[in-house]
Amino acid sequence: MKLIIAAIKPFKLEEVREALTSIGVRGMMVTEIKGFGSQSGHTEIYRGAEYAVNFVPKVKLEVAVTDTLADQVVETIATTAKTDKIGDGKIFVLDVAQAVRVRTGETNDDAL
C-alpha cells in the first residue's frame, strides 16, 4: 500500500477529486494548509499598505491506495492540478505498513 500526499492549489481541489474518483479512488483526506516553496510567498496590499505574505494557502490531499493504483493516482493528480505556474505543488509517495478499517476490522488492502 502507498500513502500519497499532495499539496495543491485550493481552486484545483474539486477538479482533482473528480479525476481521482473517476479512476477508482474511494476516499481521501483533505486539509487546508499554508506553506512556501521556491515562490517564497508574495506581497499584497491591504487598506493601502503593502505587506508580505510568507505562507501561501494550499490544500493537502492524503490518499491511501494499493500499490497497483499508486502510479496512476500520482499521474492523475499531477496532470489535473497543473497550471504551469509557480506554486502548483508537490506530491510525495510513502509506503504504508498497515491499515485497519475501524468499523469492520478489515486490514491492509481490504481496509482501503
PDB file of N, CA and C in Angstrom:
ATOM      1  N   MET A   1       0.836  -1.177   0.000  1.00  0.00           N
ATOM      2  CA  MET A   1       0.000   0.000   0.000  1.00  0.00           C
ATOM      3  C   MET A   1       0.880   1.240   0.000  1.00  0.00           C
ATOM      4  N   LYS A   2       0.331   2.323  -0.526  1.00  0.00           N
ATOM      5  CA  LYS A   2       1.040   3.593  -0.597  1.00  0.00           C
ATOM      6  C   LYS A   2       0.152   4.696  -0.025  1.00  0.00           C
ATOM      7  N   LEU A   3       0.798   5.663   0.608  1.00  0.00           N
ATOM      8  CA  LEU A   3       0.122   6.884   1.033  1.00  0.00           C
ATOM      9  C   LEU A   3       0.651   7.999   0.149  1.00  0.00           C
ATOM     10  N   ILE A   4      -0.236   8.615  -0.585  1.00  0.00           N
ATOM     11  CA  ILE A   4       0.141   9.692  -1.490  1.00  0.00           C
ATOM     12  C   ILE A   4      -0.300  11.003  -0.843  1.00  0.00           C
ATOM     13  N   ILE A   5       0.658  11.890  -0.645  1.00  0.00           N
ATOM     14  CA  ILE A   5       0.395  13.196  -0.054  1.00  0.00           C
ATOM     15  C   ILE A   5       0.680  14.238  -1.124  1.00  0.00           C
ATOM     16  N   ALA A   6      -0.306  15.074  -1.379  1.00  0.00           N
ATOM     17  CA  ALA A   6      -0.148  16.103  -2.413  1.00  0.00           C
ATOM     18  C   ALA A   6      -0.554  17.449  -1.841  1.00  0.00           C
ATOM     19  N   ALA A   7       0.265  18.462  -2.084  1.00  0.00           N
ATOM     20  CA  ALA A   7      -0.079  19.839  -1.760  1.00  0.00           C
ATOM     21  C   ALA A   7      -0.379  20.540  -3.073  1.00  0.00           C
ATOM     22  N   ILE A   8      -1.605  21.037  -3.210  1.00  0.00           N
ATOM     23  CA  ILE A   8      -2.036  21.644  -4.473  1.00  0.00           C
ATOM     24  C   ILE A   8      -2.692  22.992  -4.208  1.00  0.00           C
ATOM     25  N   LYS A   9      -2.953  23.728  -5.280  1.00  0.00           N
ATOM     26  CA  LYS A   9      -3.666  24.999  -5.174  1.00  0.00           C
ATOM     27  C   LYS A   9      -5.123  24.724  -4.814  1.00  0.00           C
ATOM     28  N   PRO A  10      -5.695  25.522  -3.907  1.00  0.00           N
ATOM     29  CA  PRO A  10      -7.054  25.246  -3.427  1.00  0.00           C
ATOM     30  C   PRO A  10      -8.120  25.197  -4.517  1.00  0.00           C
ATOM     31  N   PHE A  11      -8.018  26.042  -5.533  1.00  0.00           N
ATOM     32  CA  PHE A  11      -9.066  26.061  -6.557  1.00  0.00           C
ATOM     33  C   PHE A  11      -9.043  24.824  -7.455  1.00  0.00           C
ATOM     34  N   LYS A  12      -8.001  23.990  -7.338  1.00  0.00           N
ATOM     35  CA  LYS A  12      -7.911  22.761  -8.128  1.00  0.00           C
ATOM     36  C   LYS A  12      -8.497  21.552  -7.399  1.00  0.00           C
ATOM     37  N   LEU A  13      -8.909  21.723  -6.145  1.00  0.00           N
ATOM     38  CA  LEU A  13      -9.348  20.591  -5.330  1.00  0.00           C
ATOM     39  C   LEU A  13     -10.496  19.815  -5.960  1.00  0.00           C
ATOM     40  N   GLU A  14     -11.554  20.483  -6.345  1.00  0.00           N
ATOM     41  CA  GLU A  14     -12.723  19.778  -6.865  1.00  0.00           C
ATOM     42  C   GLU A  14     -12.405  19.047  -8.170  1.00  0.00           C
ATOM     43  N   GLU A  15     -11.619  19.659  -9.023  1.00  0.00           N
ATOM     44  CA  GLU A  15     -11.226  19.024 -10.287  1.00  0.00           C
ATOM     45  C   GLU A  15     -10.388  17.768 -10.027  1.00  0.00           C
ATOM     46  N   VAL A  16      -9.465  17.853  -9.066  1.00  0.00           N
ATOM     47  CA  VAL A  16      -8.632  16.697  -8.721  1.00  0.00           C
ATOM     48  C   VAL A  16      -9.489  15.603  -8.089  1.00  0.00           C
ATOM     49  N   ARG A  17     -10.412  15.983  -7.207  1.00  0.00           N
ATOM     50  CA  ARG A  17     -11.286  14.989  -6.568  1.00  0.00           C
ATOM     51  C   ARG A  17     -12.099  14.227  -7.618  1.00  0.00           C
ATOM     52  N   GLU A  18     -12.665  14.949  -8.579  1.00  0.00           N
ATOM     53  CA  GLU A  18     -13.444  14.296  -9.631  1.00  0.00           C
ATOM     54  C   GLU A  18     -12.580  13.358 -10.461  1.00  0.00           C
ATOM     55  N   ALA A  19     -11.367  13.777 -10.796  1.00  0.00           N
ATOM     56  CA  ALA A  19     -10.466  12.942 -11.593  1.00  0.00           C
ATOM     57  C   ALA A  19     -10.079  11.676 -10.830  1.00  0.00           C
ATOM     58  N   LEU A  20      -9.801  11.810  -9.534  1.00  0.00           N
ATOM     59  CA  LEU A  20      -9.429  10.641  -8.735  1.00  0.00           C
ATOM     60  C   LEU A  20     -10.606   9.683  -8.579  1.00  0.00           C
ATOM     61  N   THR A  21     -11.794  10.221  -8.386  1.00  0.00           N
ATOM     62  CA  THR A  21     -12.984   9.374  -8.274  1.00  0.00           C
ATOM     63  C   THR A  21     -13.202   8.587  -9.561  1.00  0.00           C
ATOM     64  N   SER A  22     -12.932   9.217 -10.694  1.00  0.00           N
ATOM     65  CA  SER A  22     -13.153   8.552 -11.984  1.00  0.00           C
ATOM     66  C   SER A  22     -12.177   7.403 -12.236  1.00  0.00           C
ATOM     67  N   ILE A  23     -11.012   7.395 -11.556  1.00  0.00           N
ATOM     68  CA  ILE A  23     -10.074   6.275 -11.746  1.00  0.00           C
ATOM     69  C   ILE A  23     -10.201   5.229 -10.644  1.00  0.00           C
ATOM     70  N   GLY A  24     -11.163   5.414  -9.722  1.00  0.00           N
ATOM     71  CA  GLY A  24     -11.425   4.381  -8.735  1.00  0.00           C
ATOM     72  C   GLY A  24     -10.975   4.672  -7.319  1.00  0.00           C
ATOM     73  N   VAL A  25     -10.512   5.882  -7.040  1.00  0.00           N
ATOM     74  CA  VAL A  25     -10.147   6.229  -5.661  1.00  0.00           C
ATOM     75  C   VAL A  25     -11.435   6.382  -4.872  1.00  0.00           C
ATOM     76  N   ARG A  26     -11.518   5.692  -3.726  1.00  0.00           N
ATOM     77  CA  ARG A  26     -12.764   5.661  -2.969  1.00  0.00           C
ATOM     78  C   ARG A  26     -12.790   6.618  -1.791  1.00  0.00           C
ATOM     79  N   GLY A  27     -11.686   7.250  -1.465  1.00  0.00           N
ATOM     80  CA  GLY A  27     -11.688   8.179  -0.353  1.00  0.00           C
ATOM     81  C   GLY A  27     -10.384   8.946  -0.276  1.00  0.00           C
ATOM     82  N   MET A  28     -10.443  10.076   0.428  1.00  0.00           N
ATOM     83  CA  MET A  28      -9.245  10.886   0.628  1.00  0.00           C
ATOM     84  C   MET A  28      -9.463  11.776   1.836  1.00  0.00           C
ATOM     85  N   MET A  29      -8.377  12.258   2.376  1.00  0.00           N
ATOM     86  CA  MET A  29      -8.440  13.237   3.458  1.00  0.00           C
ATOM     87  C   MET A  29      -7.931  14.558   2.904  1.00  0.00           C
ATOM     88  N   VAL A  30      -8.591  15.651   3.277  1.00  0.00           N
ATOM     89  CA  VAL A  30      -8.237  16.973   2.776  1.00  0.00           C
ATOM     90  C   VAL A  30      -8.026  17.907   3.963  1.00  0.00           C
ATOM     91  N   THR A  31      -6.924  18.652   3.923  1.00  0.00           N
ATOM     92  CA  THR A  31      -6.604  19.613   4.971  1.00  0.00           C
ATOM     93  C   THR A  31      -6.199  20.925   4.323  1.00  0.00           C
ATOM     94  N   GLU A  32      -6.705  22.028   4.860  1.00  0.00           N
ATOM     95  CA  GLU A  32      -6.247  23.337   4.395  1.00  0.00           C
ATOM     96  C   GLU A  32      -4.938  23.640   5.107  1.00  0.00           C
ATOM     97  N   ILE A  33      -3.920  23.996   4.332  1.00  0.00           N
ATOM     98  CA  ILE A  33      -2.596  24.256   4.892  1.00  0.00           C
ATOM     99  C   ILE A  33      -2.050  25.563   4.342  1.00  0.00           C
ATOM    100  N   LYS A  34      -0.947  26.011   4.910  1.00  0.00           N
ATOM    101  CA  LYS A  34      -0.196  27.144   4.381  1.00  0.00           C
ATOM    102  C   LYS A  34       1.249  26.714   4.301  1.00  0.00           C
ATOM    103  N   GLY A  35       1.952  27.193   3.311  1.00  0.00           N
ATOM    104  CA  GLY A  35       3.351  26.828   3.174  1.00  0.00           C
ATOM    105  C   GLY A  35       4.033  27.680   2.130  1.00  0.00           C
ATOM    106  N   PHE A  36       5.296  27.386   1.922  1.00  0.00           N
ATOM    107  CA  PHE A  36       6.015  28.056   0.847  1.00  0.00           C
ATOM    108  C   PHE A  36       7.077  27.122   0.319  1.00  0.00           C
ATOM    109  N   GLY A  37       7.424  27.346  -0.926  1.00  0.00           N
ATOM    110  CA  GLY A  37       8.478  26.597  -1.591  1.00  0.00           C
ATOM    111  C   GLY A  37       9.354  27.586  -2.306  1.00  0.00           C
ATOM    112  N   SER A  38       9.619  27.328  -3.560  1.00  0.00           N
ATOM    113  CA  SER A  38      10.503  28.212  -4.308  1.00  0.00           C
ATOM    114  C   SER A  38       9.906  29.596  -4.530  1.00  0.00           C
ATOM    115  N   GLN A  39       8.569  29.732  -4.445  1.00  0.00           N
ATOM    116  CA  GLN A  39       7.977  31.050  -4.651  1.00  0.00           C
ATOM    117  C   GLN A  39       8.121  31.938  -3.424  1.00  0.00           C
ATOM    118  N   SER A  40       8.389  31.381  -2.253  1.00  0.00           N
ATOM    119  CA  SER A  40       8.681  32.125  -1.024  1.00  0.00           C
ATOM    120  C   SER A  40       7.660  33.193  -0.683  1.00  0.00           C
ATOM    121  N   GLY A  41       6.402  32.943  -0.925  1.00  0.00           N
ATOM    122  CA  GLY A  41       5.365  33.906  -0.579  1.00  0.00           C
ATOM    123  C   GLY A  41       5.241  35.018  -1.602  1.00  0.00           C
ATOM    124  N   HIS A  42       4.490  36.064  -1.250  1.00  0.00           N
ATOM    125  CA  HIS A  42       4.273  37.182  -2.157  1.00  0.00           C
ATOM    126  C   HIS A  42       3.848  38.400  -1.353  1.00  0.00           C
ATOM    127  N   THR A  43       3.684  39.535  -2.028  1.00  0.00           N
ATOM    128  CA  THR A  43       3.230  40.740  -1.335  1.00  0.00           C
ATOM    129  C   THR A  43       1.795  41.049  -1.739  1.00  0.00           C
ATOM    130  N   GLU A  44       1.043  41.616  -0.800  1.00  0.00           N
ATOM    131  CA  GLU A  44      -0.330  42.031  -1.058  1.00  0.00           C
ATOM    132  C   GLU A  44      -0.529  43.427  -0.506  1.00  0.00           C
ATOM    133  N   ILE A  45      -1.574  44.089  -0.978  1.00  0.00           N
ATOM    134  CA  ILE A  45      -1.911  45.414  -0.464  1.00  0.00           C
ATOM    135  C   ILE A  45      -3.236  45.307   0.271  1.00  0.00           C
ATOM    136  N   TYR A  46      -3.255  45.759   1.529  1.00  0.00           N
ATOM    137  CA  TYR A  46      -4.456  45.749   2.348  1.00  0.00           C
ATOM    138  C   TYR A  46      -4.643  47.126   2.942  1.00  0.00           C
ATOM    139  N   ARG A  47      -5.767  47.752   2.631  1.00  0.00           N
ATOM    140  CA  ARG A  47      -6.066  49.114   3.102  1.00  0.00           C
ATOM    141  C   ARG A  47      -4.926  50.085   2.820  1.00  0.00           C
ATOM    142  N   GLY A  48      -4.385  49.976   1.643  1.00  0.00           N
ATOM    143  CA  GLY A  48      -3.354  50.904   1.200  1.00  0.00           C
ATOM    144  C   GLY A  48      -1.944  50.583   1.642  1.00  0.00           C
ATOM    145  N   ALA A  49      -1.786  49.587   2.497  1.00  0.00           N
ATOM    146  CA  ALA A  49      -0.446  49.230   2.982  1.00  0.00           C
ATOM    147  C   ALA A  49      -0.005  47.912   2.345  1.00  0.00           C
ATOM    148  N   GLU A  50       1.226  47.883   1.886  1.00  0.00           N
ATOM    149  CA  GLU A  50       1.776  46.658   1.296  1.00  0.00           C
ATOM    150  C   GLU A  50       2.407  45.815   2.393  1.00  0.00           C
ATOM    151  N   TYR A  51       2.139  44.528   2.371  1.00  0.00           N
ATOM    152  CA  TYR A  51       2.740  43.641   3.353  1.00  0.00           C
ATOM    153  C   TYR A  51       3.078  42.303   2.705  1.00  0.00           C
ATOM    154  N   ALA A  52       4.010  41.602   3.319  1.00  0.00           N
ATOM    155  CA  ALA A  52       4.474  40.318   2.776  1.00  0.00           C
ATOM    156  C   ALA A  52       3.610  39.180   3.304  1.00  0.00           C
ATOM    157  N   VAL A  53       3.243  38.286   2.418  1.00  0.00           N
ATOM    158  CA  VAL A  53       2.550  37.055   2.792  1.00  0.00           C
ATOM    159  C   VAL A  53       3.584  35.946   2.627  1.00  0.00           C
ATOM    160  N   ASN A  54       4.109  35.474   3.752  1.00  0.00           N
ATOM    161  CA  ASN A  54       5.193  34.494   3.703  1.00  0.00           C
ATOM    162  C   ASN A  54       4.703  33.074   3.454  1.00  0.00           C
ATOM    163  N   PHE A  55       3.456  32.800   3.801  1.00  0.00           N
ATOM    164  CA  PHE A  55       2.910  31.469   3.601  1.00  0.00           C
ATOM    165  C   PHE A  55       1.740  31.549   2.637  1.00  0.00           C
ATOM    166  N   VAL A  56       1.748  30.664   1.657  1.00  0.00           N
ATOM    167  CA  VAL A  56       0.733  30.640   0.613  1.00  0.00           C
ATOM    168  C   VAL A  56      -0.293  29.560   0.948  1.00  0.00           C
ATOM    169  N   PRO A  57      -1.596  29.852   0.818  1.00  0.00           N
ATOM    170  CA  PRO A  57      -2.603  28.827   1.105  1.00  0.00           C
ATOM    171  C   PRO A  57      -2.546  27.685   0.092  1.00  0.00           C
ATOM    172  N   LYS A  58      -2.636  26.475   0.604  1.00  0.00           N
ATOM    173  CA  LYS A  58      -2.651  25.262  -0.220  1.00  0.00           C
ATOM    174  C   LYS A  58      -3.673  24.302   0.371  1.00  0.00           C
ATOM    175  N   VAL A  59      -3.899  23.212  -0.327  1.00  0.00           N
ATOM    176  CA  VAL A  59      -4.730  22.126   0.163  1.00  0.00           C
ATOM    177  C   VAL A  59      -3.876  20.871   0.145  1.00  0.00           C
ATOM    178  N   LYS A  60      -3.895  20.133   1.252  1.00  0.00           N
ATOM    179  CA  LYS A  60      -3.144  18.877   1.315  1.00  0.00           C
ATOM    180  C   LYS A  60      -4.123  17.721   1.166  1.00  0.00           C
ATOM    181  N   LEU A  61      -3.846  16.867   0.190  1.00  0.00           N
ATOM    182  CA  LEU A  61      -4.624  15.645  -0.019  1.00  0.00           C
ATOM    183  C   LEU A  61      -3.813  14.469   0.502  1.00  0.00           C
ATOM    184  N   GLU A  62      -4.475  13.557   1.180  1.00  0.00           N
ATOM    185  CA  GLU A  62      -3.841  12.308   1.598  1.00  0.00           C
ATOM    186  C   GLU A  62      -4.709  11.175   1.079  1.00  0.00           C
ATOM    187  N   VAL A  63      -4.111  10.319   0.264  1.00  0.00           N
ATOM    188  CA  VAL A  63      -4.840   9.239  -0.377  1.00  0.00           C
ATOM    189  C   VAL A  63      -4.077   7.940  -0.151  1.00  0.00           C
ATOM    190  N   ALA A  64      -4.720   6.962   0.480  1.00  0.00           N
ATOM    191  CA  ALA A  64      -4.117   5.646   0.653  1.00  0.00           C
ATOM    192  C   ALA A  64      -4.669   4.730  -0.433  1.00  0.00           C
ATOM    193  N   VAL A  65      -3.760   4.094  -1.185  1.00  0.00           N
ATOM    194  CA  VAL A  65      -4.175   3.244  -2.299  1.00  0.00           C
ATOM    195  C   VAL A  65      -3.322   1.978  -2.343  1.00  0.00           C
ATOM    196  N   THR A  66      -3.775   1.015  -3.120  1.00  0.00           N
ATOM    197  CA  THR A  66      -2.995  -0.191  -3.339  1.00  0.00           C
ATOM    198  C   THR A  66      -1.776   0.147  -4.190  1.00  0.00           C
ATOM    199  N   ASP A  67      -0.767  -0.700  -4.119  1.00  0.00           N
ATOM    200  CA  ASP A  67       0.452  -0.469  -4.900  1.00  0.00           C
ATOM    201  C   ASP A  67       0.161  -0.363  -6.398  1.00  0.00           C
ATOM    202  N   THR A  68      -0.811  -1.140  -6.874  1.00  0.00           N
ATOM    203  CA  THR A  68      -1.099  -1.157  -8.313  1.00  0.00           C
ATOM    204  C   THR A  68      -1.736   0.146  -8.802  1.00  0.00           C
ATOM    205  N   LEU A  69      -2.393   0.873  -7.907  1.00  0.00           N
ATOM    206  CA  LEU A  69      -3.074   2.104  -8.294  1.00  0.00           C
ATOM    207  C   LEU A  69      -2.228   3.348  -8.069  1.00  0.00           C
ATOM    208  N   ALA A  70      -1.133   3.228  -7.338  1.00  0.00           N
ATOM    209  CA  ALA A  70      -0.348   4.389  -6.897  1.00  0.00           C
ATOM    210  C   ALA A  70       0.166   5.248  -8.057  1.00  0.00           C
ATOM    211  N   ASP A  71       0.781   4.637  -9.051  1.00  0.00           N
ATOM    212  CA  ASP A  71       1.335   5.418 -10.164  1.00  0.00           C
ATOM    213  C   ASP A  71       0.255   6.183 -10.922  1.00  0.00           C
ATOM    214  N   GLN A  72      -0.895   5.551 -11.093  1.00  0.00           N
ATOM    215  CA  GLN A  72      -1.996   6.206 -11.798  1.00  0.00           C
ATOM    216  C   GLN A  72      -2.538   7.381 -10.987  1.00  0.00           C
ATOM    217  N   VAL A  73      -2.597   7.242  -9.658  1.00  0.00           N
ATOM    218  CA  VAL A  73      -3.062   8.334  -8.802  1.00  0.00           C
ATOM    219  C   VAL A  73      -2.099   9.517  -8.878  1.00  0.00           C
ATOM    220  N   VAL A  74      -0.801   9.242  -8.803  1.00  0.00           N
ATOM    221  CA  VAL A  74       0.200  10.306  -8.890  1.00  0.00           C
ATOM    222  C   VAL A  74       0.081  11.036 -10.227  1.00  0.00           C
ATOM    223  N   GLU A  75      -0.027  10.299 -11.297  1.00  0.00           N
ATOM    224  CA  GLU A  75      -0.148  10.900 -12.632  1.00  0.00           C
ATOM    225  C   GLU A  75      -1.423  11.721 -12.750  1.00  0.00           C
ATOM    226  N   THR A  76      -2.519  11.217 -12.222  1.00  0.00           N
ATOM    227  CA  THR A  76      -3.790  11.929 -12.277  1.00  0.00           C
ATOM    228  C   THR A  76      -3.725  13.239 -11.511  1.00  0.00           C
ATOM    229  N   ILE A  77      -3.163  13.200 -10.302  1.00  0.00           N
ATOM    230  CA  ILE A  77      -3.029  14.432  -9.517  1.00  0.00           C
ATOM    231  C   ILE A  77      -2.121  15.426 -10.243  1.00  0.00           C
ATOM    232  N   ALA A  78      -0.994  14.939 -10.742  1.00  0.00           N
ATOM    233  CA  ALA A  78      -0.022  15.819 -11.391  1.00  0.00           C
ATOM    234  C   ALA A  78      -0.618  16.507 -12.618  1.00  0.00           C
ATOM    235  N   THR A  79      -1.326  15.783 -13.442  1.00  0.00           N
ATOM    236  CA  THR A  79      -1.866  16.390 -14.659  1.00  0.00           C
ATOM    237  C   THR A  79      -3.074  17.277 -14.369  1.00  0.00           C
ATOM    238  N   THR A  80      -3.896  16.894 -13.404  1.00  0.00           N
ATOM    239  CA  THR A  80      -5.107  17.653 -13.109  1.00  0.00           C
ATOM    240  C   THR A  80      -4.804  18.934 -12.337  1.00  0.00           C
ATOM    241  N   ALA A  81      -3.830  18.897 -11.421  1.00  0.00           N
ATOM    242  CA  ALA A  81      -3.517  20.063 -10.588  1.00  0.00           C
ATOM    243  C   ALA A  81      -2.593  21.056 -11.273  1.00  0.00           C
ATOM    244  N   LYS A  82      -2.036  20.677 -12.405  1.00  0.00           N
ATOM    245  CA  LYS A  82      -1.041  21.515 -13.075  1.00  0.00           C
ATOM    246  C   LYS A  82      -1.668  22.755 -13.706  1.00  0.00           C
ATOM    247  N   THR A  83      -1.037  23.914 -13.436  1.00  0.00           N
ATOM    248  CA  THR A  83      -1.452  25.168 -14.073  1.00  0.00           C
ATOM    249  C   THR A  83      -0.315  25.786 -14.879  1.00  0.00           C
ATOM    250  N   ASP A  84       0.867  25.177 -14.822  1.00  0.00           N
ATOM    251  CA  ASP A  84       2.079  25.687 -15.473  1.00  0.00           C
ATOM    252  C   ASP A  84       2.575  26.992 -14.858  1.00  0.00           C
ATOM    253  N   LYS A  85       2.143  27.282 -13.635  1.00  0.00           N
ATOM    254  CA  LYS A  85       2.612  28.468 -12.931  1.00  0.00           C
ATOM    255  C   LYS A  85       3.313  28.030 -11.654  1.00  0.00           C
ATOM    256  N   ILE A  86       4.176  28.898 -11.141  1.00  0.00           N
ATOM    257  CA  ILE A  86       4.892  28.582  -9.911  1.00  0.00           C
ATOM    258  C   ILE A  86       3.894  28.338  -8.783  1.00  0.00           C
ATOM    259  N   GLY A  87       4.206  27.381  -7.926  1.00  0.00           N
ATOM    260  CA  GLY A  87       3.337  27.080  -6.797  1.00  0.00           C
ATOM    261  C   GLY A  87       2.288  26.023  -7.068  1.00  0.00           C
ATOM    262  N   ASP A  88       2.438  25.247  -8.135  1.00  0.00           N
ATOM    263  CA  ASP A  88       1.468  24.193  -8.432  1.00  0.00           C
ATOM    264  C   ASP A  88       1.444  23.103  -7.364  1.00  0.00           C
ATOM    265  N   GLY A  89       2.533  22.922  -6.625  1.00  0.00           N
ATOM    266  CA  GLY A  89       2.517  21.982  -5.516  1.00  0.00           C
ATOM    267  C   GLY A  89       3.535  20.871  -5.638  1.00  0.00           C
ATOM    268  N   LYS A  90       3.397  19.907  -4.746  1.00  0.00           N
ATOM    269  CA  LYS A  90       4.288  18.750  -4.681  1.00  0.00           C
ATOM    270  C   LYS A  90       3.468  17.497  -4.397  1.00  0.00           C
ATOM    271  N   ILE A  91       4.034  16.352  -4.765  1.00  0.00           N
ATOM    272  CA  ILE A  91       3.417  15.055  -4.473  1.00  0.00           C
ATOM    273  C   ILE A  91       4.486  14.170  -3.850  1.00  0.00           C
ATOM    274  N   PHE A  92       4.125  13.526  -2.748  1.00  0.00           N
ATOM    275  CA  PHE A  92       5.024  12.597  -2.069  1.00  0.00           C
ATOM    276  C   PHE A  92       4.348  11.237  -1.992  1.00  0.00           C
ATOM    277  N   VAL A  93       5.129  10.173  -2.144  1.00  0.00           N
ATOM    278  CA  VAL A  93       4.601   8.814  -2.065  1.00  0.00           C
ATOM    279  C   VAL A  93       5.353   8.075  -0.968  1.00  0.00           C
ATOM    280  N   LEU A  94       4.599   7.549   0.011  1.00  0.00           N
ATOM    281  CA  LEU A  94       5.190   6.840   1.141  1.00  0.00           C
ATOM    282  C   LEU A  94       4.636   5.425   1.208  1.00  0.00           C
ATOM    283  N   ASP A  95       5.445   4.505   1.727  1.00  0.00           N
ATOM    284  CA  ASP A  95       4.970   3.140   1.968  1.00  0.00           C
ATOM    285  C   ASP A  95       4.117   3.121   3.232  1.00  0.00           C
ATOM    286  N   VAL A  96       3.050   2.318   3.207  1.00  0.00           N
ATOM    287  CA  VAL A  96       2.179   2.144   4.365  1.00  0.00           C
ATOM    288  C   VAL A  96       2.387   0.731   4.892  1.00  0.00           C
ATOM    289  N   ALA A  97       2.735   0.617   6.150  1.00  0.00           N
ATOM    290  CA  ALA A  97       2.999  -0.694   6.743  1.00  0.00           C
ATOM    291  C   ALA A  97       1.715  -1.450   7.064  1.00  0.00           C
ATOM    292  N   GLN A  98       0.676  -0.736   7.504  1.00  0.00           N
ATOM    293  CA  GLN A  98      -0.555  -1.405   7.902  1.00  0.00           C
ATOM    294  C   GLN A  98      -1.716  -0.431   7.832  1.00  0.00           C
ATOM    295  N   ALA A  99      -2.892  -0.950   7.509  1.00  0.00           N
ATOM    296  CA  ALA A  99      -4.131  -0.166   7.545  1.00  0.00           C
ATOM    297  C   ALA A  99      -5.210  -1.027   8.170  1.00  0.00           C
ATOM    298  N   VAL A 100      -6.070  -0.421   8.967  1.00  0.00           N
ATOM    299  CA  VAL A 100      -7.169  -1.132   9.611  1.00  0.00           C
ATOM    300  C   VAL A 100      -8.430  -0.299   9.477  1.00  0.00           C
ATOM    301  N   ARG A 101      -9.507  -0.921   9.009  1.00  0.00           N
ATOM    302  CA  ARG A 101     -10.809  -0.245   8.986  1.00  0.00           C
ATOM    303  C   ARG A 101     -11.434  -0.440  10.351  1.00  0.00           C
ATOM    304  N   VAL A 102     -11.692   0.645  11.042  1.00  0.00           N
ATOM    305  CA  VAL A 102     -12.150   0.580  12.429  1.00  0.00           C
ATOM    306  C   VAL A 102     -13.485  -0.146  12.548  1.00  0.00           C
ATOM    307  N   ARG A 103     -14.425   0.155  11.673  1.00  0.00           N
ATOM    308  CA  ARG A 103     -15.767  -0.408  11.781  1.00  0.00           C
ATOM    309  C   ARG A 103     -15.785  -1.926  11.656  1.00  0.00           C
ATOM    310  N   THR A 104     -15.030  -2.475  10.687  1.00  0.00           N
ATOM    311  CA  THR A 104     -15.126  -3.906  10.394  1.00  0.00           C
ATOM    312  C   THR A 104     -13.921  -4.720  10.837  1.00  0.00           C
ATOM    313  N   GLY A 105     -12.810  -4.054  11.105  1.00  0.00           N
ATOM    314  CA  GLY A 105     -11.588  -4.771  11.457  1.00  0.00           C
ATOM    315  C   GLY A 105     -10.812  -5.272  10.258  1.00  0.00           C
ATOM    316  N   GLU A 106     -11.286  -4.957   9.041  1.00  0.00           N
ATOM    317  CA  GLU A 106     -10.551  -5.358   7.841  1.00  0.00           C
ATOM    318  C   GLU A 106      -9.171  -4.712   7.868  1.00  0.00           C
ATOM    319  N   THR A 107      -8.194  -5.409   7.270  1.00  0.00           N
ATOM    320  CA  THR A 107      -6.835  -4.899   7.299  1.00  0.00           C
ATOM    321  C   THR A 107      -6.255  -4.749   5.904  1.00  0.00           C
ATOM    322  N   ASN A 108      -5.239  -3.893   5.824  1.00  0.00           N
ATOM    323  CA  ASN A 108      -4.428  -3.655   4.630  1.00  0.00           C
ATOM    324  C   ASN A 108      -5.266  -3.338   3.401  1.00  0.00           C
ATOM    325  N   ASP A 109      -5.062  -4.017   2.269  1.00  0.00           N
ATOM    326  CA  ASP A 109      -5.772  -3.668   1.040  1.00  0.00           C
ATOM    327  C   ASP A 109      -7.290  -3.720   1.222  1.00  0.00           C
ATOM    328  N   ASP A 110      -7.781  -4.673   2.017  1.00  0.00           N
ATOM    329  CA  ASP A 110      -9.221  -4.776   2.260  1.00  0.00           C
ATOM    330  C   ASP A 110      -9.776  -3.567   3.010  1.00  0.00           C
ATOM    331  N   ALA A 111      -8.917  -2.913   3.798  1.00  0.00           N
ATOM    332  CA  ALA A 111      -9.351  -1.740   4.574  1.00  0.00           C
ATOM    333  C   ALA A 111      -9.468  -0.496   3.717  1.00  0.00           C
ATOM    334  N   LEU A 112      -8.840  -0.517   2.558  1.00  0.00           N
ATOM    335  CA  LEU A 112      -8.892   0.667   1.699  1.00  0.00           C
ATOM    336  C   LEU A 112     -10.211   0.714   0.953  1.00  0.00           C
TER     337      LEU A 112
END
